[in-house]
Amino acid sequence: MSILLDEADAYERGMDDDLTFQTVRELAGAAYMAGRSAPPTDAEVEAVAKRLLWRSWWSWDGIESDYVAKDEDDAWDYAGEICGYREDFIDRAKEVLEVERHAMTE
């Protein structure tokens, strides 16, 4: 939800109108739709990368450790200690988002 609100805030900054509750709701919807065709934000990429990492936590190829992550953020922090691991998931996340956006525009 915070990504949606970030997009709405960025969209709203470009508007000079006095805002009512209805206008804010409309802006949020318009920002969301505009965001579907915009390049992914860093927050979106990181959120997808964290989820991909968390979902693959049990099968980290080549990583031998007894470490057990408590949650998605803990796994992300631990991955930062392994050279290149976060970057790999960020690259994967960008690919996933690109495929998703391409599918949305077809």
C-alpha atoms as a PDB file:
ATOM      1  CA  MET A   1       0.000   0.000   0.000  1.00  0.00           C
ATOM      2  CA  SER A   2       2.860   2.427   0.666  1.00  0.00           C
ATOM      3  CA  ILE A   3       4.012   2.142  -2.951  1.00  0.00           C
ATOM      4  CA  LEU A   4       0.537   3.158  -4.090  1.00  0.00           C
ATOM      5  CA  LEU A   5       0.597   6.137  -1.717  1.00  0.00           C
ATOM      6  CA  ASP A   6       4.092   7.109  -2.901  1.00  0.00           C
ATOM      7  CA  GLU A   7       2.840   7.110  -6.494  1.00  0.00           C
ATOM      8  CA  ALA A   8      -0.222   9.152  -5.520  1.00  0.00           C
ATOM      9  CA  ASP A   9       1.957  11.674  -3.672  1.00  0.00           C
ATOM     10  CA  ALA A  10       4.275  12.052  -6.662  1.00  0.00           C
ATOM     11  CA  TYR A  11       1.300  12.423  -8.995  1.00  0.00           C
ATOM     12  CA  GLU A  12      -0.377  14.928  -6.661  1.00  0.00           C
ATOM     13  CA  ARG A  13       2.737  17.147  -6.502  1.00  0.00           C
ATOM     14  CA  GLY A  14       2.154  17.874 -10.166  1.00  0.00           C
ATOM     15  CA  MET A  15      -1.363  19.180  -9.458  1.00  0.00           C
ATOM     16  CA  ASP A  16      -2.206  22.751  -8.373  1.00  0.00           C
ATOM     17  CA  ASP A  17      -5.866  22.176  -7.459  1.00  0.00           C
ATOM     18  CA  ASP A  18      -7.378  22.360  -3.986  1.00  0.00           C
ATOM     19  CA  LEU A  19      -7.829  18.760  -2.927  1.00  0.00           C
ATOM     20  CA  THR A  20     -10.992  17.250  -1.501  1.00  0.00           C
ATOM     21  CA  PHE A  21     -11.350  13.685  -0.241  1.00  0.00           C
ATOM     22  CA  GLN A  22     -12.930  12.652  -3.536  1.00  0.00           C
ATOM     23  CA  THR A  23     -10.125  14.305  -5.505  1.00  0.00           C
ATOM     24  CA  VAL A  24      -7.513  12.475  -3.436  1.00  0.00           C
ATOM     25  CA  ARG A  25      -9.251   9.140  -4.125  1.00  0.00           C
ATOM     26  CA  GLU A  26      -9.342   9.952  -7.833  1.00  0.00           C
ATOM     27  CA  LEU A  27      -5.673  10.962  -7.762  1.00  0.00           C
ATOM     28  CA  ALA A  28      -4.736   7.711  -6.055  1.00  0.00           C
ATOM     29  CA  GLY A  29      -6.540   5.740  -8.759  1.00  0.00           C
ATOM     30  CA  ALA A  30      -5.015   7.810 -11.569  1.00  0.00           C
ATOM     31  CA  ALA A  31      -1.544   7.534 -10.027  1.00  0.00           C
ATOM     32  CA  TYR A  32      -1.946   3.783  -9.724  1.00  0.00           C
ATOM     33  CA  MET A  33      -2.926   3.441 -13.372  1.00  0.00           C
ATOM     34  CA  ALA A  34      -0.132   5.782 -14.492  1.00  0.00           C
ATOM     35  CA  GLY A  35       2.302   3.763 -12.382  1.00  0.00           C
ATOM     36  CA  ARG A  36       1.478   0.587 -14.276  1.00  0.00           C
ATOM     37  CA  SER A  37       3.151   1.975 -17.390  1.00  0.00           C
ATOM     38  CA  ALA A  38       5.922   3.883 -15.588  1.00  0.00           C
ATOM     39  CA  PRO A  39       9.298   2.300 -14.852  1.00  0.00           C
ATOM     40  CA  PRO A  40       9.277   0.477 -11.508  1.00  0.00           C
ATOM     41  CA  THR A  41      10.332   2.506  -8.490  1.00  0.00           C
ATOM     42  CA  ASP A  42      13.224   1.456  -6.280  1.00  0.00           C
ATOM     43  CA  ALA A  43      10.692   0.582  -3.574  1.00  0.00           C
ATOM     44  CA  GLU A  44       8.824  -1.739  -5.955  1.00  0.00           C
ATOM     45  CA  VAL A  45      12.014  -3.427  -7.107  1.00  0.00           C
ATOM     46  CA  GLU A  46      13.215  -3.969  -3.543  1.00  0.00           C
ATOM     47  CA  ALA A  47       9.819  -5.292  -2.423  1.00  0.00           C
ATOM     48  CA  VAL A  48       9.765  -7.841  -5.252  1.00  0.00           C
ATOM     49  CA  ALA A  49      13.415  -8.781  -4.651  1.00  0.00           C
ATOM     50  CA  LYS A  50      12.727  -9.367  -0.944  1.00  0.00           C
ATOM     51  CA  ARG A  51       9.745 -11.572  -1.761  1.00  0.00           C
ATOM     52  CA  LEU A  52      11.703 -13.584  -4.339  1.00  0.00           C
ATOM     53  CA  LEU A  53      14.522 -14.044  -1.828  1.00  0.00           C
ATOM     54  CA  TRP A  54      12.153 -15.077   0.957  1.00  0.00           C
ATOM     55  CA  ARG A  55      10.322 -17.544  -1.285  1.00  0.00           C
ATOM     56  CA  SER A  56      13.619 -19.144  -2.346  1.00  0.00           C
ATOM     57  CA  TRP A  57      15.253 -19.081   1.090  1.00  0.00           C
ATOM     58  CA  TRP A  58      15.201 -22.865   1.441  1.00  0.00           C
ATOM     59  CA  SER A  59      17.183 -23.435  -1.755  1.00  0.00           C
ATOM     60  CA  TRP A  60      20.133 -21.063  -1.734  1.00  0.00           C
ATOM     61  CA  ASP A  61      22.488 -22.811  -4.113  1.00  0.00           C
ATOM     62  CA  GLY A  62      26.088 -22.860  -2.975  1.00  0.00           C
ATOM     63  CA  ILE A  63      25.403 -21.189   0.383  1.00  0.00           C
ATOM     64  CA  GLU A  64      26.115 -23.383   3.360  1.00  0.00           C
ATOM     65  CA  SER A  65      24.922 -21.919   6.630  1.00  0.00           C
ATOM     66  CA  ASP A  66      22.928 -22.864   9.684  1.00  0.00           C
ATOM     67  CA  TYR A  67      21.385 -19.388   9.715  1.00  0.00           C
ATOM     68  CA  VAL A  68      17.574 -19.301   9.864  1.00  0.00           C
ATOM     69  CA  ALA A  69      15.878 -16.035   8.967  1.00  0.00           C
ATOM     70  CA  LYS A  70      13.005 -14.843  11.147  1.00  0.00           C
ATOM     71  CA  ASP A  71      11.205 -12.988   8.378  1.00  0.00           C
ATOM     72  CA  GLU A  72      11.568 -11.427   4.937  1.00  0.00           C
ATOM     73  CA  ASP A  73      13.522  -8.398   6.196  1.00  0.00           C
ATOM     74  CA  ASP A  74      15.883 -10.572   8.224  1.00  0.00           C
ATOM     75  CA  ALA A  75      16.587 -12.714   5.153  1.00  0.00           C
ATOM     76  CA  TRP A  76      17.234  -9.540   3.130  1.00  0.00           C
ATOM     77  CA  ASP A  77      19.682  -8.264   5.751  1.00  0.00           C
ATOM     78  CA  TYR A  78      21.521 -11.600   5.778  1.00  0.00           C
ATOM     79  CA  ALA A  79      21.649 -11.683   1.966  1.00  0.00           C
ATOM     80  CA  GLY A  80      23.458  -8.337   2.112  1.00  0.00           C
ATOM     81  CA  GLU A  81      26.351 -10.106   3.811  1.00  0.00           C
ATOM     82  CA  ILE A  82      26.781 -12.483   0.851  1.00  0.00           C
ATOM     83  CA  CYS A  83      28.636 -10.818  -1.997  1.00  0.00           C
ATOM     84  CA  GLY A  84      26.375 -10.245  -4.999  1.00  0.00           C
ATOM     85  CA  TYR A  85      23.319 -12.024  -3.585  1.00  0.00           C
ATOM     86  CA  ARG A  86      21.070  -8.996  -3.149  1.00  0.00           C
ATOM     87  CA  GLU A  87      22.104  -7.675  -6.554  1.00  0.00           C
ATOM     88  CA  ASP A  88      21.106 -10.971  -8.161  1.00  0.00           C
ATOM     89  CA  PHE A  89      17.632 -10.774  -6.642  1.00  0.00           C
ATOM     90  CA  ILE A  90      17.306  -7.112  -7.611  1.00  0.00           C
ATOM     91  CA  ASP A  91      18.110  -8.057 -11.216  1.00  0.00           C
ATOM     92  CA  ARG A  92      15.534 -10.865 -11.082  1.00  0.00           C
ATOM     93  CA  ALA A  93      12.941  -8.473  -9.632  1.00  0.00           C
ATOM     94  CA  LYS A  94      13.527  -5.982 -12.443  1.00  0.00           C
ATOM     95  CA  GLU A  95      12.988  -8.760 -14.984  1.00  0.00           C
ATOM     96  CA  VAL A  96       9.773  -9.897 -13.276  1.00  0.00           C
ATOM     97  CA  LEU A  97       8.422  -6.345 -13.172  1.00  0.00           C
ATOM     98  CA  GLU A  98       9.336  -5.760 -16.811  1.00  0.00           C
ATOM     99  CA  VAL A  99       7.497  -8.916 -17.875  1.00  0.00           C
ATOM    100  CA  GLU A 100       4.489  -7.916 -15.758  1.00  0.00           C
ATOM    101  CA  ARG A 101       4.357  -4.403 -17.210  1.00  0.00           C
ATOM    102  CA  HIS A 102       4.745  -5.761 -20.741  1.00  0.00           C
ATOM    103  CA  ALA A 103       1.830  -8.151 -20.135  1.00  0.00           C
ATOM    104  CA  MET A 104      -0.290  -5.288 -18.756  1.00  0.00           C
ATOM    105  CA  THR A 105       0.169  -3.186 -21.901  1.00  0.00           C
ATOM    106  CA  GLU A 106      -0.669  -5.948 -24.372  1.00  0.00           C
END
